[in-house]
Protein backbone atom coordinates (compact mmCIF):
# COMPACT_ATOMS: atom_id res chain seq x y z
CA UNK A 1 61.67 103.87 202.89
CA UNK A 2 63.74 105.54 200.19
CA UNK A 3 62.05 102.98 197.75
CA UNK A 4 58.83 103.91 198.96
CA UNK A 5 59.22 107.38 198.27
CA UNK A 6 60.27 106.74 194.61
CA UNK A 7 57.22 104.50 194.37
CA UNK A 8 55.00 107.07 195.55
CA UNK A 9 56.65 109.60 193.07
CA UNK A 10 56.03 107.51 190.25
CA UNK A 11 52.45 106.79 191.41
CA UNK A 12 51.84 110.58 191.72
CA UNK A 13 53.38 111.01 188.17
CA UNK A 14 50.74 108.43 186.63
CA UNK A 15 48.13 109.72 188.65
CA UNK A 16 48.61 113.18 187.42
CA UNK A 17 48.97 112.02 183.86
CA UNK A 18 45.64 110.14 184.30
CA UNK A 19 43.89 113.07 186.10
CA UNK A 20 44.55 116.55 186.83
CA UNK A 21 47.98 117.14 189.12
CA UNK A 22 45.50 118.85 191.84
CA UNK A 23 43.62 115.71 191.90
CA UNK A 24 46.55 113.40 192.15
CA UNK A 25 48.09 115.46 195.07
CA UNK A 26 44.73 115.45 196.90
CA UNK A 27 44.36 111.41 196.28
CA UNK A 28 47.80 110.96 197.63
CA UNK A 29 47.49 113.20 200.47
CA UNK A 30 44.48 111.42 201.69
CA UNK A 31 46.40 108.24 201.42
CA UNK A 32 49.04 109.51 203.33
CA UNK A 33 46.76 110.56 206.02
CA UNK A 34 45.09 107.27 206.18
CA UNK A 35 48.50 105.14 206.08
CA UNK A 36 50.23 107.25 208.62
CA UNK A 37 48.09 106.42 211.56
CA UNK A 38 48.09 102.76 210.62
CA UNK A 39 51.64 102.42 210.60
CA UNK A 40 52.48 104.87 213.60
CA UNK A 41 52.08 102.29 216.41
CA UNK A 42 54.47 99.53 214.64
CA UNK A 43 57.24 102.26 214.35
CA UNK A 44 57.25 103.28 218.05
CA UNK A 45 60.06 101.91 220.14
CA UNK A 46 59.14 100.43 223.56
CA UNK A 47 59.96 102.15 226.41
CA UNK A 48 63.37 100.92 227.94
CA UNK A 49 63.11 98.63 230.82
CA UNK A 50 64.81 100.60 233.71
CA UNK A 51 64.39 97.83 236.36
CA UNK A 52 66.32 95.03 234.56
CA UNK A 53 70.07 93.99 235.19
CA UNK A 54 72.34 96.78 233.86
CA UNK A 55 70.24 99.55 234.94
CA UNK A 56 71.77 102.68 236.37
CA UNK A 57 70.61 104.61 239.27
CA UNK A 58 70.93 108.05 239.57
CA UNK A 59 71.20 109.90 243.00
């Protein structure tokens, strides 16, 4: 994740050189809004199985 933050920072700098800084920020914000929901399901951990062996019962 740290590597991708560096890549995006470099991309932001390159876009700011080619366009205005405001346009670069807007483009990257739009890309972030598009990518975040696409990746969110894969990042969620499944709920733990509470009925399997080794599960604890509370009274």
